[in-house]
N, C-alpha and C. Protein backbone atom coordinates (compact mmCIF):
# COMPACT_ATOMS: atom_id res chain seq x y z
N UNK A 1 183.61 73.81 82.94
CA UNK A 1 183.37 73.52 81.86
C UNK A 1 184.02 74.30 80.71
N UNK A 2 185.02 73.49 79.67
CA UNK A 2 185.76 74.44 78.94
C UNK A 2 185.00 74.36 77.56
N UNK A 3 185.69 75.37 76.52
CA UNK A 3 185.26 75.45 75.32
C UNK A 3 184.91 74.29 74.42
N UNK A 4 185.82 73.46 74.32
CA UNK A 4 185.64 72.12 73.69
C UNK A 4 184.37 71.09 74.32
N UNK A 5 184.45 71.27 75.66
CA UNK A 5 183.16 70.58 76.37
C UNK A 5 181.99 71.04 75.87
N UNK A 6 181.95 72.69 76.11
CA UNK A 6 180.61 73.24 75.80
C UNK A 6 180.20 73.09 74.35
N UNK A 7 181.32 73.09 73.36
CA UNK A 7 180.88 72.82 71.97
C UNK A 7 180.85 71.27 71.36
N UNK A 8 181.05 70.42 72.09
CA UNK A 8 181.32 69.04 71.73
C UNK A 8 180.15 68.57 70.69
N UNK A 9 179.14 68.78 70.99
CA UNK A 9 178.00 68.34 69.75
C UNK A 9 178.27 68.79 68.28
N UNK A 10 178.87 70.53 68.30
CA UNK A 10 179.14 70.54 67.11
C UNK A 10 180.48 70.27 66.55
N UNK A 11 181.14 70.09 67.48
CA UNK A 11 182.32 69.66 66.91
C UNK A 11 182.65 68.03 66.53
N UNK A 12 181.65 67.39 67.34
CA UNK A 12 181.69 66.04 66.60
C UNK A 12 180.68 66.07 65.35
N UNK A 13 179.61 66.94 65.11
CA UNK A 13 178.85 66.62 63.83
C UNK A 13 179.85 67.13 62.77
N UNK A 14 180.58 68.32 62.91
CA UNK A 14 181.60 68.90 61.82
C UNK A 14 182.63 67.78 61.50
N UNK A 15 183.04 66.94 62.82
CA UNK A 15 184.37 66.06 62.62
C UNK A 15 183.72 64.91 61.95
N UNK A 16 182.16 64.53 62.22
CA UNK A 16 181.78 63.19 61.58
C UNK A 16 181.86 63.47 59.96
N UNK A 17 181.18 64.72 59.75
CA UNK A 17 181.26 65.11 58.17
C UNK A 17 182.54 64.98 57.63
N UNK A 18 183.53 65.53 57.74
CA UNK A 18 184.74 65.67 57.55
C UNK A 18 185.17 64.04 57.41
N UNK A 19 185.01 63.14 58.44
CA UNK A 19 185.52 61.68 58.44
C UNK A 19 184.61 61.15 57.30
N UNK A 20 183.34 61.44 57.08
CA UNK A 20 182.45 60.77 56.02
C UNK A 20 183.27 61.09 54.91
N UNK A 21 183.63 62.63 54.60
CA UNK A 21 184.05 63.01 53.08
C UNK A 21 185.90 62.25 53.05
N UNK A 22 186.37 62.02 54.20
CA UNK A 22 187.64 61.41 54.05
C UNK A 22 187.57 60.05 53.46
N UNK A 23 186.65 59.12 54.24
CA UNK A 23 186.04 58.11 53.76
C UNK A 23 185.71 57.63 52.37
N UNK A 24 184.81 58.84 51.87
CA UNK A 24 184.52 59.01 50.67
C UNK A 24 185.58 59.02 49.52
N UNK A 25 186.46 59.61 49.76
CA UNK A 25 187.74 60.31 49.04
C UNK A 25 188.48 58.86 48.98
N UNK A 26 188.46 58.22 49.99
CA UNK A 26 189.47 56.86 50.05
C UNK A 26 188.85 55.95 49.44
N UNK A 27 187.44 55.54 49.51
CA UNK A 27 186.79 54.68 48.64
C UNK A 27 186.96 55.07 47.28
N UNK A 28 186.79 56.39 46.59
CA UNK A 28 187.14 56.56 45.24
C UNK A 28 188.35 56.50 45.09
N UNK A 29 189.60 56.49 45.90
CA UNK A 29 190.76 56.28 45.71
C UNK A 29 191.19 55.00 45.25
N UNK A 30 190.71 54.19 46.27
CA UNK A 30 190.86 52.51 46.18
C UNK A 30 190.20 51.76 44.89
N UNK A 31 189.22 52.42 45.02
CA UNK A 31 188.60 51.52 43.45
C UNK A 31 188.47 52.21 42.18
N UNK A 32 189.39 53.11 42.07
CA UNK A 32 189.39 53.53 40.44
C UNK A 32 188.84 54.88 39.98
N UNK A 33 188.10 55.46 41.32
CA UNK A 33 187.68 56.87 40.75
C UNK A 33 188.69 57.83 41.01
N UNK A 34 188.28 59.16 40.90
CA UNK A 34 189.51 59.96 40.67
C UNK A 34 188.78 60.96 41.79
N UNK A 35 189.22 61.03 43.03
CA UNK A 35 188.60 61.70 43.84
C UNK A 35 189.22 62.97 44.25
N UNK A 36 190.18 63.31 43.47
CA UNK A 36 190.84 64.78 43.42
C UNK A 36 191.14 65.36 42.00
N UNK A 37 190.12 65.69 41.15
CA UNK A 37 190.80 65.82 39.95
C UNK A 37 191.30 67.25 39.87
N UNK A 38 192.35 67.21 38.81
CA UNK A 38 193.50 68.30 38.85
C UNK A 38 192.38 69.86 38.45
N UNK A 39 191.22 69.49 37.83
CA UNK A 39 190.40 70.57 37.48
C UNK A 39 189.93 71.31 38.61
N UNK A 40 189.73 70.59 39.86
CA UNK A 40 189.29 71.41 40.89
C UNK A 40 190.35 71.22 42.18
N UNK A 41 191.19 70.25 42.14
CA UNK A 41 192.27 70.50 43.30
C UNK A 41 193.53 71.25 42.82
N UNK A 42 193.52 71.07 41.69
CA UNK A 42 194.90 71.72 40.99
C UNK A 42 195.85 70.75 40.58
N UNK A 43 196.67 70.99 39.67
CA UNK A 43 197.96 69.82 39.39
C UNK A 43 198.97 69.48 40.45
N UNK A 44 198.95 70.38 41.20
CA UNK A 44 199.98 70.11 42.29
C UNK A 44 199.55 69.06 43.41
N UNK A 45 198.10 68.81 43.37
CA UNK A 45 197.43 67.82 44.42
C UNK A 45 198.41 66.63 44.13
N UNK A 46 198.80 66.22 43.07
CA UNK A 46 199.11 64.96 42.70
C UNK A 46 200.85 64.86 43.39
N UNK A 47 201.57 65.64 44.04
CA UNK A 47 202.80 65.54 44.90
C UNK A 47 202.51 64.53 45.82
N UNK A 48 201.31 64.11 46.48
CA UNK A 48 201.07 63.15 47.18
C UNK A 48 199.85 62.38 46.48
N UNK A 49 200.24 60.94 46.81
CA UNK A 49 198.72 60.41 46.24
C UNK A 49 197.39 60.32 46.92
N UNK A 50 196.38 60.22 46.23
CA UNK A 50 195.07 60.73 47.14
C UNK A 50 194.74 59.89 48.03
N UNK A 51 195.52 58.45 48.30
CA UNK A 51 194.95 57.68 49.73
C UNK A 51 195.59 58.51 50.77
N UNK A 52 196.92 59.01 50.64
CA UNK A 52 197.48 59.91 51.45
C UNK A 52 196.84 61.11 52.28
N UNK A 53 196.35 61.70 50.64
CA UNK A 53 195.46 62.92 51.35
C UNK A 53 194.23 62.47 52.04
N UNK A 54 193.60 61.41 51.76
CA UNK A 54 192.59 60.79 52.30
C UNK A 54 192.87 60.40 53.73
N UNK A 55 194.03 60.13 53.94
CA UNK A 55 194.35 58.97 55.27
C UNK A 55 194.70 60.62 56.01
N UNK A 56 195.16 61.68 55.75
CA UNK A 56 195.07 62.53 56.44
C UNK A 56 193.73 63.31 57.22
N UNK A 57 192.68 63.50 56.00
CA UNK A 57 191.59 63.67 56.64
C UNK A 57 190.97 62.84 57.56
N UNK A 58 191.07 61.38 56.93
CA UNK A 58 190.26 60.40 58.30
C UNK A 58 191.15 60.61 59.56
N UNK A 59 192.59 60.75 59.59
CA UNK A 59 193.18 60.73 60.59
C UNK A 59 192.76 61.93 61.52
N UNK A 60 192.83 63.13 61.04
CA UNK A 60 192.44 64.00 61.88
C UNK A 60 191.13 64.23 62.50
N UNK A 61 190.31 63.62 61.67
CA UNK A 61 188.87 63.62 62.10
C UNK A 61 188.84 62.82 63.16
N UNK A 62 189.34 61.43 63.05
CA UNK A 62 189.26 60.52 64.00
C UNK A 62 190.26 60.90 65.43
N UNK A 63 191.11 61.54 65.20
CA UNK A 63 191.83 62.15 66.41
C UNK A 63 190.82 63.16 67.01
N UNK A 64 190.42 63.97 66.67
CA UNK A 64 189.49 65.00 67.39
C UNK A 64 188.35 64.39 67.77
N UNK A 65 187.75 63.56 67.10
CA UNK A 65 186.30 62.56 67.64
C UNK A 65 187.07 61.81 68.95
N UNK A 66 187.99 61.27 68.59
CA UNK A 66 188.60 60.58 70.16
C UNK A 66 188.76 61.27 71.08
N UNK A 67 189.44 62.50 70.88
CA UNK A 67 189.75 63.75 71.92
C UNK A 67 188.58 64.13 72.63
N UNK A 68 187.54 64.51 71.67
CA UNK A 68 186.37 65.14 72.52
C UNK A 68 185.59 64.02 73.05
N UNK A 69 185.52 62.99 72.39
CA UNK A 69 184.55 61.98 73.34
C UNK A 69 185.26 61.53 74.71
N UNK A 70 186.61 61.08 74.73
CA UNK A 70 187.61 60.83 75.82
C UNK A 70 188.08 62.02 76.68
N UNK A 71 187.80 63.40 76.35
CA UNK A 71 188.34 64.24 77.03
C UNK A 71 189.88 64.48 76.75
N UNK A 72 190.29 64.22 75.79
CA UNK A 72 191.87 64.24 75.70
C UNK A 72 192.18 65.58 74.75
N UNK A 73 192.34 66.83 75.55
CA UNK A 73 192.68 67.85 74.72
C UNK A 73 193.64 68.00 73.71
N UNK A 74 194.95 67.09 74.08
CA UNK A 74 195.94 66.84 73.45
C UNK A 74 195.56 66.58 71.71
N UNK A 75 194.82 65.48 71.78
CA UNK A 75 194.18 64.89 70.71
C UNK A 75 193.30 65.93 69.88
N UNK A 76 192.51 66.45 70.53
CA UNK A 76 191.73 67.72 70.05
C UNK A 76 192.63 68.57 69.25
N UNK A 77 193.49 69.08 69.81
CA UNK A 77 194.55 70.30 69.47
C UNK A 77 195.16 69.68 68.37
N UNK A 78 195.67 68.40 68.62
CA UNK A 78 196.63 67.88 67.49
C UNK A 78 195.76 67.74 65.97
N UNK A 79 194.80 67.16 66.32
CA UNK A 79 193.84 66.61 65.17
C UNK A 79 193.48 68.21 64.60
N UNK A 80 193.16 69.07 65.27
CA UNK A 80 192.78 70.74 64.74
C UNK A 80 194.08 71.22 64.09
N UNK A 81 195.21 71.11 64.51
CA UNK A 81 196.10 71.52 63.74
C UNK A 81 196.57 70.76 62.64
N UNK A 82 196.60 69.61 62.60
CA UNK A 82 196.55 68.78 61.16
C UNK A 82 195.60 69.26 60.09
N UNK A 83 194.45 69.18 60.82
CA UNK A 83 193.31 69.48 60.01
C UNK A 83 193.47 70.99 59.21
N UNK A 84 193.87 71.96 60.03
CA UNK A 84 193.98 73.38 59.53
C UNK A 84 195.16 73.55 58.40
N UNK A 85 196.27 72.47 58.78
CA UNK A 85 197.23 72.24 57.57
C UNK A 85 196.67 71.74 56.27
N UNK A 86 196.03 70.66 56.78
CA UNK A 86 195.49 69.91 55.58
C UNK A 86 194.56 70.89 54.32
N UNK A 87 193.46 71.55 55.09
CA UNK A 87 192.82 72.47 54.62
C UNK A 87 193.44 73.67 53.86
N UNK A 88 194.62 74.38 54.54
CA UNK A 88 195.13 75.36 54.08
C UNK A 88 196.10 74.92 52.85
N UNK A 89 196.48 73.46 52.85
CA UNK A 89 197.04 73.12 51.42
C UNK A 89 195.92 72.71 50.46
N UNK A 90 194.85 72.06 50.84
CA UNK A 90 193.72 72.31 49.67
C UNK A 90 193.40 73.76 49.08
N UNK A 91 193.34 74.59 50.01
CA UNK A 91 193.12 75.87 49.47
C UNK A 91 194.21 76.61 48.49
N UNK A 92 195.44 76.30 48.89
CA UNK A 92 196.69 76.82 48.15
C UNK A 92 196.49 76.26 46.74
N UNK A 93 196.45 74.75 46.87
CA UNK A 93 196.38 73.83 45.54
C UNK A 93 195.39 73.98 44.65
N UNK A 94 193.95 74.22 45.29
CA UNK A 94 193.01 74.58 44.57
C UNK A 94 193.02 75.87 44.01
N UNK A 95 193.51 76.77 44.45
CA UNK A 95 193.71 78.16 43.91
C UNK A 95 194.18 78.22 42.52
N UNK A 96 195.13 77.41 41.90
CA UNK A 96 195.66 77.14 40.60
C UNK A 96 194.40 76.49 39.69
N UNK A 97 193.45 75.58 40.18
CA UNK A 97 192.70 75.15 39.39
C UNK A 97 191.77 75.76 38.82
N UNK A 98 191.54 75.36 37.28
CA UNK A 98 190.16 75.80 36.70
C UNK A 98 189.22 76.02 37.30
N UNK A 99 188.53 75.13 38.13
CA UNK A 99 187.27 75.21 38.73
C UNK A 99 187.40 74.94 40.19
N UNK A 100 188.34 75.19 40.47
CA UNK A 100 188.73 75.19 42.33
C UNK A 100 188.07 76.27 42.89
N UNK A 101 187.44 77.02 42.60
CA UNK A 101 187.27 78.05 43.52
C UNK A 101 186.06 77.84 44.48
N UNK A 102 185.19 76.96 44.51
CA UNK A 102 184.52 76.07 45.09
C UNK A 102 185.31 75.45 46.32
N UNK A 103 186.25 74.83 45.92
CA UNK A 103 187.08 74.07 46.83
C UNK A 103 187.90 75.02 47.79
N UNK A 104 188.55 75.78 46.93
CA UNK A 104 189.46 76.74 47.91
C UNK A 104 188.56 77.88 48.71
N UNK A 105 187.36 78.15 48.36
CA UNK A 105 186.47 79.15 49.24
C UNK A 105 186.10 78.28 50.37
N UNK A 106 185.67 76.92 50.24
CA UNK A 106 185.17 76.18 51.49
C UNK A 106 186.42 75.84 52.58
N UNK A 107 187.32 75.59 51.76
CA UNK A 107 188.67 75.11 52.51
C UNK A 107 189.27 76.47 53.41
N UNK A 108 189.36 77.50 52.57
CA UNK A 108 189.71 78.81 53.18
C UNK A 108 188.91 79.58 54.19
N UNK A 109 187.59 79.53 54.24
CA UNK A 109 186.50 80.19 54.79
C UNK A 109 185.92 79.29 55.67
N UNK A 110 185.57 78.23 55.84
CA UNK A 110 184.82 76.96 56.24
C UNK A 110 185.94 76.23 57.24
N UNK A 111 186.55 75.21 56.46
CA UNK A 111 186.99 74.12 57.02
C UNK A 111 188.44 74.55 57.73
N UNK A 112 189.17 75.27 57.40
CA UNK A 112 190.48 75.87 57.77
C UNK A 112 190.26 76.69 58.99
N UNK A 113 189.19 77.78 59.16
CA UNK A 113 189.03 78.26 60.30
C UNK A 113 188.39 77.53 61.47
N UNK A 114 187.42 76.76 61.17
CA UNK A 114 186.97 75.88 61.84
C UNK A 114 187.78 74.78 62.66
N UNK A 115 188.87 74.35 61.71
CA UNK A 115 189.75 73.60 62.55
C UNK A 115 190.55 74.40 63.30
N UNK A 116 190.93 75.62 62.91
CA UNK A 116 191.90 76.47 63.76
C UNK A 116 191.33 76.90 64.99
N UNK A 117 189.79 76.75 65.15
CA UNK A 117 189.01 77.36 66.42
C UNK A 117 189.14 76.10 67.39
N UNK A 118 189.03 74.88 66.64
CA UNK A 118 188.97 73.71 67.63
C UNK A 118 190.73 73.72 68.25
N UNK A 119 191.73 73.79 67.44
CA UNK A 119 192.56 73.86 68.02
C UNK A 119 193.23 74.84 68.95
N UNK A 120 192.77 76.11 68.75
CA UNK A 120 193.01 76.88 69.56
C UNK A 120 191.80 76.82 70.92
N UNK A 121 190.78 76.32 70.54
CA UNK A 121 189.98 75.91 71.97
C UNK A 121 190.82 75.01 72.76
N UNK A 122 191.01 74.18 72.17
CA UNK A 122 191.85 72.78 72.82
C UNK A 122 193.14 73.35 73.83
N UNK A 123 193.75 74.43 73.12
CA UNK A 123 195.14 74.89 73.92
C UNK A 123 194.56 75.74 74.76
N UNK A 124 193.45 76.54 74.80
CA UNK A 124 192.93 77.24 75.67
C UNK A 124 192.61 76.73 76.72
N UNK A 125 191.84 75.67 76.76
CA UNK A 125 191.04 74.47 77.66
C UNK A 125 192.20 74.14 78.48
N UNK A 126 193.15 73.78 77.79
CA UNK A 126 194.38 73.15 78.33
C UNK A 126 195.19 73.86 79.70
N UNK A 127 195.51 75.16 78.89
CA UNK A 127 196.01 75.97 79.44
C UNK A 127 195.32 76.44 80.87
N UNK A 128 193.80 76.87 80.91
CA UNK A 128 193.02 76.94 81.82
C UNK A 128 193.30 76.29 82.71
N UNK A 129 193.00 74.77 82.26
CA UNK A 129 193.07 73.78 83.38
C UNK A 129 194.44 73.68 84.27
N UNK A 130 195.49 74.04 83.49
CA UNK A 130 196.63 74.00 84.08
C UNK A 130 196.53 75.28 85.20
N UNK A 131 196.28 76.17 84.84
CA UNK A 131 196.08 77.33 85.85
C UNK A 131 195.25 77.22 86.93
N UNK A 132 194.24 76.80 86.54
CA UNK A 132 192.94 76.23 87.39
C UNK A 132 193.43 75.36 88.38
N UNK A 133 194.58 74.37 88.33
CA UNK A 133 194.92 73.42 89.20
C UNK A 133 196.09 73.92 90.07
N UNK A 134 196.68 74.87 89.40
CA UNK A 134 197.96 75.73 90.30
C UNK A 134 197.35 76.51 91.08
N UNK A 135 196.12 77.31 90.94
CA UNK A 135 195.58 78.04 91.94
C UNK A 135 194.96 77.40 93.11
N UNK A 136 194.63 75.99 92.71
CA UNK A 136 193.75 75.14 93.73
C UNK A 136 195.18 75.08 94.72
N UNK A 137 196.04 74.09 94.23
CA UNK A 137 197.20 73.69 94.78
C UNK A 137 197.84 74.90 95.62
N UNK A 138 198.01 76.08 95.50
CA UNK A 138 198.39 77.07 96.16
C UNK A 138 197.42 77.86 97.23
N UNK A 139 196.10 77.52 96.97
CA UNK A 139 195.16 77.61 97.86
C UNK A 139 195.02 76.79 99.08
N UNK A 140 195.37 75.44 98.81
CA UNK A 140 195.58 74.44 99.61
C UNK A 140 196.73 74.62 100.68
N UNK A 141 197.78 75.16 100.08
CA UNK A 141 198.95 75.38 100.51
C UNK A 141 198.89 76.44 101.60
N UNK A 142 197.98 77.62 101.25
CA UNK A 142 197.70 78.66 102.00
C UNK A 142 196.56 78.48 102.96
N UNK A 143 196.10 77.00 103.13
CA UNK A 143 195.10 76.61 103.88
C UNK A 143 193.90 77.23 103.89
N UNK A 144 193.85 77.86 102.56
CA UNK A 144 192.39 78.64 102.21
C UNK A 144 191.16 77.78 102.09
N UNK A 145 191.43 76.31 101.71
CA UNK A 145 190.57 75.50 101.09
C UNK A 145 191.02 74.23 101.88
N UNK A 146 189.98 73.32 102.33
CA UNK A 146 190.20 72.06 102.55
C UNK A 146 190.19 70.97 101.85
N UNK A 147 190.96 69.73 101.84
CA UNK A 147 191.30 68.69 101.32
C UNK A 147 190.35 68.40 99.96
N UNK A 148 188.80 68.67 100.32
CA UNK A 148 187.79 68.31 99.35
C UNK A 148 187.67 69.72 98.51
N UNK A 149 188.53 70.79 98.40
CA UNK A 149 188.26 71.97 97.62
C UNK A 149 187.19 72.88 98.24
N UNK A 150 186.68 72.75 99.31
CA UNK A 150 185.80 73.87 99.85
C UNK A 150 186.28 74.88 100.58
N UNK A 151 185.74 75.80 100.44
CA UNK A 151 186.51 77.16 101.14
C UNK A 151 186.60 77.18 102.69
N UNK A 152 187.37 77.54 103.44
CA UNK A 152 187.48 77.21 104.84
C UNK A 152 186.54 78.80 105.22
N UNK A 153 185.94 78.60 106.42
CA UNK A 153 185.46 79.85 107.08
C UNK A 153 186.41 80.66 107.75
């Protein structure tokens, strides 16, 4: 059992929260609200439309959720990397905002590290799975285990 599988409940809870946040941002952007005011997100946040920021948050959340539920480490890792990049961008952009302290702090101290931990955990699990598969193949070639994976006496 790998790190991602062991922590799947916490990862899913975290990603469902970020998915809900992204959907709320999208709803605000599509129906005339101001999901990312410059006072909290910084003026540079308008480099990209709010719908694109929202899509990034929704996309990386869905990717990680899919990966965890289906056992696809590549999806968990990719979603974690995109998530980490997104939240680091929020941290940098909100640092210039008049009232961006809370957003910058949350992005830098909660969301980005959690995303990085998810990505690193997926990479580690993938690496270990490859190593274990190679060890098993070598043991079979050396006739140390049978075709069912049981040690020979």
